[in-house]
Amino acid sequence: MTLRLILDTNVLVTAMCNRDGASHLLIRWALTDKIRLLASPALWLEYETVIKRPHIRLRHGISLENLDIVLDTLAAHVEPVHLNYLWRPQLRDQNDEMVLETALNSSADALVTFNTKDFADAANRFALRLVTPAECIKLTGAIL
């Protein structure tokens, strides 16, 4: 069984900035098809926009040219999600709504985020598994 996961943008940013952590391991697993990442077009555009922000680029140190290669490579391992239903508003932070909507429309196995408190009420309401990257590694490791 391959876990199908939605990553909050903060997980992808952390993965790019810290190559030793759980977030980065999730990306490596996605690139070897041990897990399946899911993203809607809107969520993917947010990933790209945030990863390319100047202050974020200073943190990860990847050139724009190489960043495009990294994102293109990762995109080849992402299952696209079409948003059939919009569930807004569910969250206090409207920027998190597209992450939640992607998870709900994809029937993802889990939403991976560092902001579990921000998603907790909605996750309970929709019976959506909510995990941090470290928790996801433990969960996935038990399945692999």
N, C-alpha and C. Protein backbone atom coordinates (compact mmCIF):
# COMPACT_ATOMS: atom_id res chain seq x y z
N MET A 1 0.84 -1.18 0.00
CA MET A 1 0.00 0.00 0.00
C MET A 1 0.89 1.24 0.00
N THR A 2 0.64 2.13 -0.92
CA THR A 2 1.37 3.40 -0.99
C THR A 2 0.52 4.50 -0.38
N LEU A 3 1.05 5.18 0.61
CA LEU A 3 0.31 6.29 1.21
C LEU A 3 0.20 7.44 0.24
N ARG A 4 -0.97 8.04 0.18
CA ARG A 4 -1.24 9.20 -0.67
C ARG A 4 -1.37 10.41 0.26
N LEU A 5 -0.47 11.38 0.08
CA LEU A 5 -0.33 12.46 1.05
C LEU A 5 -0.46 13.84 0.42
N ILE A 6 -1.00 14.75 1.18
CA ILE A 6 -1.00 16.18 0.87
C ILE A 6 0.03 16.82 1.79
N LEU A 7 0.94 17.58 1.21
CA LEU A 7 1.90 18.33 2.02
C LEU A 7 1.46 19.77 2.13
N ASP A 8 1.44 20.28 3.34
CA ASP A 8 1.26 21.71 3.54
C ASP A 8 2.52 22.38 3.00
N THR A 9 2.39 23.60 2.56
CA THR A 9 3.52 24.31 1.96
C THR A 9 4.69 24.40 2.93
N ASN A 10 4.41 24.54 4.22
CA ASN A 10 5.50 24.65 5.19
C ASN A 10 6.37 23.39 5.22
N VAL A 11 5.82 22.25 4.89
CA VAL A 11 6.59 21.00 4.86
C VAL A 11 7.55 21.01 3.68
N LEU A 12 7.06 21.46 2.53
CA LEU A 12 7.93 21.52 1.35
C LEU A 12 9.05 22.53 1.55
N VAL A 13 8.74 23.68 2.12
CA VAL A 13 9.78 24.68 2.39
C VAL A 13 10.83 24.11 3.34
N THR A 14 10.39 23.45 4.38
CA THR A 14 11.32 22.86 5.34
C THR A 14 12.17 21.79 4.66
N ALA A 15 11.57 21.00 3.79
CA ALA A 15 12.31 19.96 3.07
C ALA A 15 13.42 20.55 2.22
N MET A 16 13.16 21.70 1.60
CA MET A 16 14.16 22.34 0.75
C MET A 16 15.27 22.99 1.57
N CYS A 17 14.93 23.42 2.78
CA CYS A 17 15.89 24.15 3.61
C CYS A 17 16.69 23.26 4.56
N ASN A 18 16.20 22.08 4.85
CA ASN A 18 16.87 21.18 5.79
C ASN A 18 16.89 19.78 5.20
N ARG A 19 18.02 19.40 4.69
CA ARG A 19 18.13 18.11 4.00
C ARG A 19 18.30 16.92 4.94
N ASP A 20 18.26 17.17 6.25
CA ASP A 20 18.44 16.10 7.23
C ASP A 20 17.15 15.72 7.94
N GLY A 21 16.07 16.45 7.73
CA GLY A 21 14.86 16.24 8.51
C GLY A 21 13.85 15.32 7.88
N ALA A 22 12.76 15.12 8.62
CA ALA A 22 11.67 14.25 8.18
C ALA A 22 11.01 14.78 6.90
N SER A 23 10.89 16.09 6.78
CA SER A 23 10.26 16.67 5.59
C SER A 23 11.04 16.30 4.33
N HIS A 24 12.35 16.40 4.41
CA HIS A 24 13.20 16.07 3.26
C HIS A 24 13.11 14.57 2.94
N LEU A 25 13.03 13.74 3.96
CA LEU A 25 12.90 12.31 3.74
C LEU A 25 11.59 12.00 3.01
N LEU A 26 10.53 12.70 3.33
CA LEU A 26 9.26 12.50 2.62
C LEU A 26 9.41 12.82 1.13
N ILE A 27 10.15 13.88 0.82
CA ILE A 27 10.38 14.23 -0.59
C ILE A 27 11.20 13.13 -1.27
N ARG A 28 12.23 12.66 -0.59
CA ARG A 28 13.04 11.57 -1.17
C ARG A 28 12.19 10.33 -1.40
N TRP A 29 11.32 10.01 -0.46
CA TRP A 29 10.43 8.86 -0.63
C TRP A 29 9.48 9.07 -1.80
N ALA A 30 8.99 10.30 -1.99
CA ALA A 30 8.11 10.58 -3.12
C ALA A 30 8.85 10.38 -4.44
N LEU A 31 10.10 10.79 -4.48
CA LEU A 31 10.89 10.66 -5.71
C LEU A 31 11.23 9.20 -6.05
N THR A 32 11.13 8.32 -5.07
CA THR A 32 11.36 6.89 -5.31
C THR A 32 10.04 6.10 -5.26
N ASP A 33 8.93 6.83 -5.28
CA ASP A 33 7.58 6.25 -5.33
C ASP A 33 7.23 5.37 -4.13
N LYS A 34 7.85 5.62 -2.99
CA LYS A 34 7.47 4.92 -1.76
C LYS A 34 6.19 5.52 -1.18
N ILE A 35 5.97 6.81 -1.45
CA ILE A 35 4.73 7.49 -1.10
C ILE A 35 4.27 8.23 -2.33
N ARG A 36 3.01 8.64 -2.33
CA ARG A 36 2.47 9.40 -3.46
C ARG A 36 2.02 10.76 -2.95
N LEU A 37 2.59 11.82 -3.53
CA LEU A 37 2.16 13.17 -3.18
C LEU A 37 1.02 13.56 -4.10
N LEU A 38 0.09 14.32 -3.56
CA LEU A 38 -1.07 14.80 -4.30
C LEU A 38 -1.08 16.32 -4.24
N ALA A 39 -1.49 16.96 -5.33
CA ALA A 39 -1.59 18.42 -5.32
C ALA A 39 -2.56 18.88 -6.39
N SER A 40 -3.34 19.87 -6.04
CA SER A 40 -4.19 20.54 -7.03
C SER A 40 -3.31 21.56 -7.76
N PRO A 41 -3.74 22.03 -8.92
CA PRO A 41 -2.96 23.06 -9.61
C PRO A 41 -2.74 24.30 -8.73
N ALA A 42 -3.76 24.72 -8.00
CA ALA A 42 -3.62 25.90 -7.14
C ALA A 42 -2.59 25.66 -6.04
N LEU A 43 -2.61 24.47 -5.45
CA LEU A 43 -1.64 24.17 -4.40
C LEU A 43 -0.24 24.09 -4.97
N TRP A 44 -0.09 23.49 -6.15
CA TRP A 44 1.24 23.41 -6.77
C TRP A 44 1.78 24.80 -7.07
N LEU A 45 0.93 25.69 -7.56
CA LEU A 45 1.37 27.07 -7.83
C LEU A 45 1.79 27.76 -6.54
N GLU A 46 1.09 27.49 -5.45
CA GLU A 46 1.51 28.06 -4.17
C GLU A 46 2.88 27.53 -3.77
N TYR A 47 3.09 26.22 -3.91
CA TYR A 47 4.40 25.66 -3.61
C TYR A 47 5.48 26.42 -4.36
N GLU A 48 5.27 26.54 -5.66
CA GLU A 48 6.27 27.18 -6.52
C GLU A 48 6.50 28.64 -6.13
N THR A 49 5.43 29.36 -5.88
CA THR A 49 5.53 30.78 -5.52
C THR A 49 6.29 30.95 -4.20
N VAL A 50 5.94 30.17 -3.21
CA VAL A 50 6.56 30.31 -1.89
C VAL A 50 8.03 29.89 -1.95
N ILE A 51 8.32 28.77 -2.58
CA ILE A 51 9.71 28.27 -2.67
C ILE A 51 10.62 29.27 -3.38
N LYS A 52 10.05 30.07 -4.28
CA LYS A 52 10.85 31.03 -5.05
C LYS A 52 10.92 32.42 -4.43
N ARG A 53 10.26 32.64 -3.29
CA ARG A 53 10.34 33.94 -2.64
C ARG A 53 11.79 34.21 -2.24
N PRO A 54 12.25 35.46 -2.42
CA PRO A 54 13.66 35.77 -2.13
C PRO A 54 14.12 35.37 -0.73
N HIS A 55 13.32 35.63 0.29
CA HIS A 55 13.76 35.29 1.65
C HIS A 55 13.79 33.77 1.86
N ILE A 56 12.96 33.02 1.16
CA ILE A 56 13.00 31.56 1.25
C ILE A 56 14.20 31.03 0.46
N ARG A 57 14.47 31.63 -0.69
CA ARG A 57 15.63 31.22 -1.49
C ARG A 57 16.93 31.43 -0.72
N LEU A 58 17.00 32.47 0.08
CA LEU A 58 18.19 32.67 0.91
C LEU A 58 18.36 31.53 1.90
N ARG A 59 17.26 30.98 2.36
CA ARG A 59 17.32 29.87 3.33
C ARG A 59 17.77 28.57 2.68
N HIS A 60 17.25 28.27 1.48
CA HIS A 60 17.61 26.97 0.87
C HIS A 60 18.80 27.08 -0.07
N GLY A 61 19.10 28.26 -0.58
CA GLY A 61 20.30 28.46 -1.39
C GLY A 61 20.29 27.81 -2.76
N ILE A 62 19.14 27.47 -3.28
CA ILE A 62 19.05 26.83 -4.59
C ILE A 62 18.79 27.91 -5.65
N SER A 63 19.56 27.89 -6.72
CA SER A 63 19.37 28.87 -7.79
C SER A 63 18.01 28.67 -8.44
N LEU A 64 17.48 29.71 -9.07
CA LEU A 64 16.19 29.61 -9.75
C LEU A 64 16.21 28.52 -10.82
N GLU A 65 17.29 28.43 -11.55
CA GLU A 65 17.41 27.41 -12.59
C GLU A 65 17.33 26.00 -12.00
N ASN A 66 18.09 25.77 -10.95
CA ASN A 66 18.07 24.46 -10.30
C ASN A 66 16.75 24.20 -9.58
N LEU A 67 16.16 25.26 -9.07
CA LEU A 67 14.87 25.12 -8.40
C LEU A 67 13.81 24.66 -9.38
N ASP A 68 13.83 25.18 -10.60
CA ASP A 68 12.89 24.73 -11.62
C ASP A 68 13.10 23.25 -11.94
N ILE A 69 14.34 22.81 -11.97
CA ILE A 69 14.63 21.40 -12.22
C ILE A 69 14.09 20.54 -11.07
N VAL A 70 14.33 20.98 -9.85
CA VAL A 70 13.84 20.24 -8.67
C VAL A 70 12.32 20.15 -8.70
N LEU A 71 11.66 21.27 -8.96
CA LEU A 71 10.20 21.28 -8.98
C LEU A 71 9.64 20.44 -10.13
N ASP A 72 10.26 20.51 -11.29
CA ASP A 72 9.82 19.69 -12.43
C ASP A 72 9.98 18.20 -12.12
N THR A 73 11.08 17.85 -11.49
CA THR A 73 11.32 16.45 -11.13
C THR A 73 10.29 15.98 -10.12
N LEU A 74 10.02 16.80 -9.12
CA LEU A 74 9.03 16.44 -8.11
C LEU A 74 7.63 16.36 -8.73
N ALA A 75 7.31 17.29 -9.62
CA ALA A 75 5.99 17.31 -10.26
C ALA A 75 5.70 16.01 -11.01
N ALA A 76 6.74 15.39 -11.54
CA ALA A 76 6.56 14.12 -12.26
C ALA A 76 6.10 13.00 -11.33
N HIS A 77 6.23 13.19 -10.02
CA HIS A 77 5.84 12.18 -9.04
C HIS A 77 4.61 12.61 -8.24
N VAL A 78 3.92 13.64 -8.70
CA VAL A 78 2.75 14.15 -8.00
C VAL A 78 1.49 13.76 -8.77
N GLU A 79 0.54 13.25 -8.05
CA GLU A 79 -0.77 12.92 -8.63
C GLU A 79 -1.63 14.18 -8.62
N PRO A 80 -2.10 14.63 -9.78
CA PRO A 80 -2.92 15.84 -9.81
C PRO A 80 -4.31 15.60 -9.21
N VAL A 81 -4.81 16.62 -8.55
CA VAL A 81 -6.12 16.56 -7.90
C VAL A 81 -7.01 17.63 -8.49
N HIS A 82 -8.15 17.22 -8.97
CA HIS A 82 -9.16 18.16 -9.46
C HIS A 82 -10.09 18.51 -8.30
N LEU A 83 -10.34 19.78 -8.10
CA LEU A 83 -11.21 20.21 -7.01
C LEU A 83 -12.66 20.21 -7.47
N ASN A 84 -13.40 19.19 -7.04
CA ASN A 84 -14.82 19.09 -7.38
C ASN A 84 -15.69 19.92 -6.44
N TYR A 85 -15.24 20.04 -5.19
CA TYR A 85 -16.00 20.78 -4.19
C TYR A 85 -15.08 21.74 -3.45
N LEU A 86 -15.60 22.92 -3.19
CA LEU A 86 -14.90 23.91 -2.37
C LEU A 86 -15.61 23.91 -1.02
N TRP A 87 -14.86 23.81 0.03
CA TRP A 87 -15.43 23.65 1.37
C TRP A 87 -15.30 24.91 2.21
N ARG A 88 -14.98 26.03 1.62
CA ARG A 88 -14.69 27.26 2.37
C ARG A 88 -15.95 27.87 2.96
N PRO A 89 -15.79 28.56 4.06
CA PRO A 89 -14.61 28.66 4.92
C PRO A 89 -14.63 27.56 5.99
N GLN A 90 -13.49 27.00 6.28
CA GLN A 90 -13.34 25.98 7.31
C GLN A 90 -12.26 26.35 8.32
N LEU A 91 -11.31 27.19 7.89
CA LEU A 91 -10.12 27.47 8.69
C LEU A 91 -9.98 28.96 8.98
N ARG A 92 -9.26 29.27 10.04
CA ARG A 92 -9.01 30.69 10.38
C ARG A 92 -8.12 31.35 9.33
N ASP A 93 -7.13 30.63 8.84
CA ASP A 93 -6.20 31.17 7.85
C ASP A 93 -6.68 30.79 6.46
N GLN A 94 -7.17 31.78 5.71
CA GLN A 94 -7.72 31.48 4.39
C GLN A 94 -6.67 30.91 3.43
N ASN A 95 -5.39 31.16 3.69
CA ASN A 95 -4.33 30.60 2.84
C ASN A 95 -4.21 29.09 2.99
N ASP A 96 -4.73 28.54 4.09
CA ASP A 96 -4.69 27.09 4.30
C ASP A 96 -5.88 26.36 3.66
N GLU A 97 -6.88 27.12 3.23
CA GLU A 97 -8.09 26.51 2.67
C GLU A 97 -7.79 25.61 1.47
N MET A 98 -6.88 26.03 0.58
CA MET A 98 -6.61 25.21 -0.61
C MET A 98 -5.91 23.91 -0.24
N VAL A 99 -5.15 23.92 0.83
CA VAL A 99 -4.50 22.69 1.29
C VAL A 99 -5.57 21.71 1.77
N LEU A 100 -6.49 22.20 2.60
CA LEU A 100 -7.58 21.37 3.10
C LEU A 100 -8.46 20.87 1.96
N GLU A 101 -8.83 21.75 1.05
CA GLU A 101 -9.69 21.36 -0.08
C GLU A 101 -9.02 20.30 -0.95
N THR A 102 -7.73 20.42 -1.14
CA THR A 102 -7.01 19.41 -1.93
C THR A 102 -7.06 18.07 -1.20
N ALA A 103 -6.86 18.08 0.09
CA ALA A 103 -6.91 16.84 0.87
C ALA A 103 -8.30 16.21 0.81
N LEU A 104 -9.32 17.01 0.95
CA LEU A 104 -10.68 16.48 0.96
C LEU A 104 -11.10 15.98 -0.42
N ASN A 105 -10.74 16.67 -1.47
CA ASN A 105 -11.11 16.27 -2.82
C ASN A 105 -10.33 15.07 -3.32
N SER A 106 -9.19 14.79 -2.72
CA SER A 106 -8.34 13.70 -3.19
C SER A 106 -8.53 12.41 -2.40
N SER A 107 -9.25 12.48 -1.29
CA SER A 107 -9.35 11.34 -0.37
C SER A 107 -7.96 10.89 0.07
N ALA A 108 -7.12 11.86 0.37
CA ALA A 108 -5.75 11.58 0.81
C ALA A 108 -5.76 10.75 2.09
N ASP A 109 -4.70 9.98 2.26
CA ASP A 109 -4.56 9.20 3.50
C ASP A 109 -4.22 10.11 4.67
N ALA A 110 -3.54 11.23 4.39
CA ALA A 110 -3.18 12.16 5.46
C ALA A 110 -2.79 13.51 4.88
N LEU A 111 -2.96 14.52 5.71
CA LEU A 111 -2.45 15.86 5.43
C LEU A 111 -1.25 16.04 6.36
N VAL A 112 -0.11 16.36 5.78
CA VAL A 112 1.14 16.49 6.54
C VAL A 112 1.44 17.97 6.71
N THR A 113 1.54 18.41 7.96
CA THR A 113 1.75 19.82 8.26
C THR A 113 2.46 19.99 9.60
N PHE A 114 3.10 21.13 9.75
CA PHE A 114 3.62 21.52 11.06
C PHE A 114 2.56 22.27 11.85
N ASN A 115 1.51 22.72 11.19
CA ASN A 115 0.46 23.52 11.81
C ASN A 115 -0.77 22.67 12.13
N THR A 116 -0.59 21.64 12.90
CA THR A 116 -1.70 20.75 13.18
C THR A 116 -2.84 21.46 13.91
N LYS A 117 -2.52 22.41 14.76
CA LYS A 117 -3.57 23.15 15.48
C LYS A 117 -4.47 23.90 14.51
N ASP A 118 -3.89 24.46 13.45
CA ASP A 118 -4.68 25.23 12.49
C ASP A 118 -5.69 24.38 11.74
N PHE A 119 -5.38 23.10 11.55
CA PHE A 119 -6.25 22.20 10.78
C PHE A 119 -7.08 21.27 11.65
N ALA A 120 -6.83 21.22 12.94
CA ALA A 120 -7.39 20.19 13.82
C ALA A 120 -8.91 20.11 13.78
N ASP A 121 -9.60 21.22 13.94
CA ASP A 121 -11.07 21.19 13.98
C ASP A 121 -11.64 20.66 12.66
N ALA A 122 -11.14 21.18 11.54
CA ALA A 122 -11.64 20.74 10.23
C ALA A 122 -11.28 19.28 9.98
N ALA A 123 -10.09 18.87 10.38
CA ALA A 123 -9.67 17.48 10.19
C ALA A 123 -10.60 16.54 10.96
N ASN A 124 -10.96 16.91 12.18
CA ASN A 124 -11.91 16.11 12.96
C ASN A 124 -13.28 16.07 12.30
N ARG A 125 -13.73 17.22 11.82
CA ARG A 125 -15.04 17.33 11.18
C ARG A 125 -15.14 16.42 9.95
N PHE A 126 -14.04 16.32 9.19
CA PHE A 126 -14.05 15.55 7.95
C PHE A 126 -13.34 14.19 8.07
N ALA A 127 -12.98 13.80 9.28
CA ALA A 127 -12.28 12.52 9.51
C ALA A 127 -11.03 12.42 8.65
N LEU A 128 -10.27 13.50 8.61
CA LEU A 128 -9.02 13.57 7.84
C LEU A 128 -7.85 13.35 8.80
N ARG A 129 -6.98 12.41 8.46
CA ARG A 129 -5.79 12.17 9.28
C ARG A 129 -4.84 13.34 9.13
N LEU A 130 -4.39 13.87 10.23
CA LEU A 130 -3.51 15.02 10.28
C LEU A 130 -2.24 14.61 11.02
N VAL A 131 -1.07 14.76 10.37
CA VAL A 131 0.18 14.33 10.97
C VAL A 131 1.28 15.34 10.70
N THR A 132 2.26 15.36 11.58
CA THR A 132 3.48 16.13 11.33
C THR A 132 4.39 15.28 10.43
N PRO A 133 5.41 15.87 9.84
CA PRO A 133 6.34 15.07 9.03
C PRO A 133 6.95 13.90 9.81
N ALA A 134 7.36 14.13 11.05
CA ALA A 134 7.96 13.05 11.85
C ALA A 134 6.96 11.93 12.11
N GLU A 135 5.71 12.29 12.40
CA GLU A 135 4.67 11.28 12.60
C GLU A 135 4.42 10.51 11.31
N CYS A 136 4.48 11.21 10.20
CA CYS A 136 4.27 10.57 8.91
C CYS A 136 5.37 9.57 8.60
N ILE A 137 6.60 9.90 8.95
CA ILE A 137 7.72 8.98 8.75
C ILE A 137 7.49 7.70 9.54
N LYS A 138 7.05 7.82 10.79
CA LYS A 138 6.77 6.64 11.61
C LYS A 138 5.64 5.82 11.00
N LEU A 139 4.57 6.49 10.58
CA LEU A 139 3.43 5.83 9.97
C LEU A 139 3.84 5.11 8.68
N THR A 140 4.55 5.80 7.84
CA THR A 140 4.98 5.23 6.56
C THR A 140 5.99 4.11 6.76
N GLY A 141 6.91 4.30 7.69
CA GLY A 141 7.91 3.28 7.98
C GLY A 141 7.27 1.98 8.43
N ALA A 142 6.16 2.09 9.16
CA ALA A 142 5.45 0.88 9.62
C ALA A 142 4.81 0.15 8.45
N ILE A 143 4.42 0.88 7.41
CA ILE A 143 3.79 0.28 6.23
C ILE A 143 4.82 -0.29 5.28
N LEU A 144 5.94 0.45 5.11
CA LEU A 144 6.99 0.00 4.20
C LEU A 144 7.59 -1.24 4.75
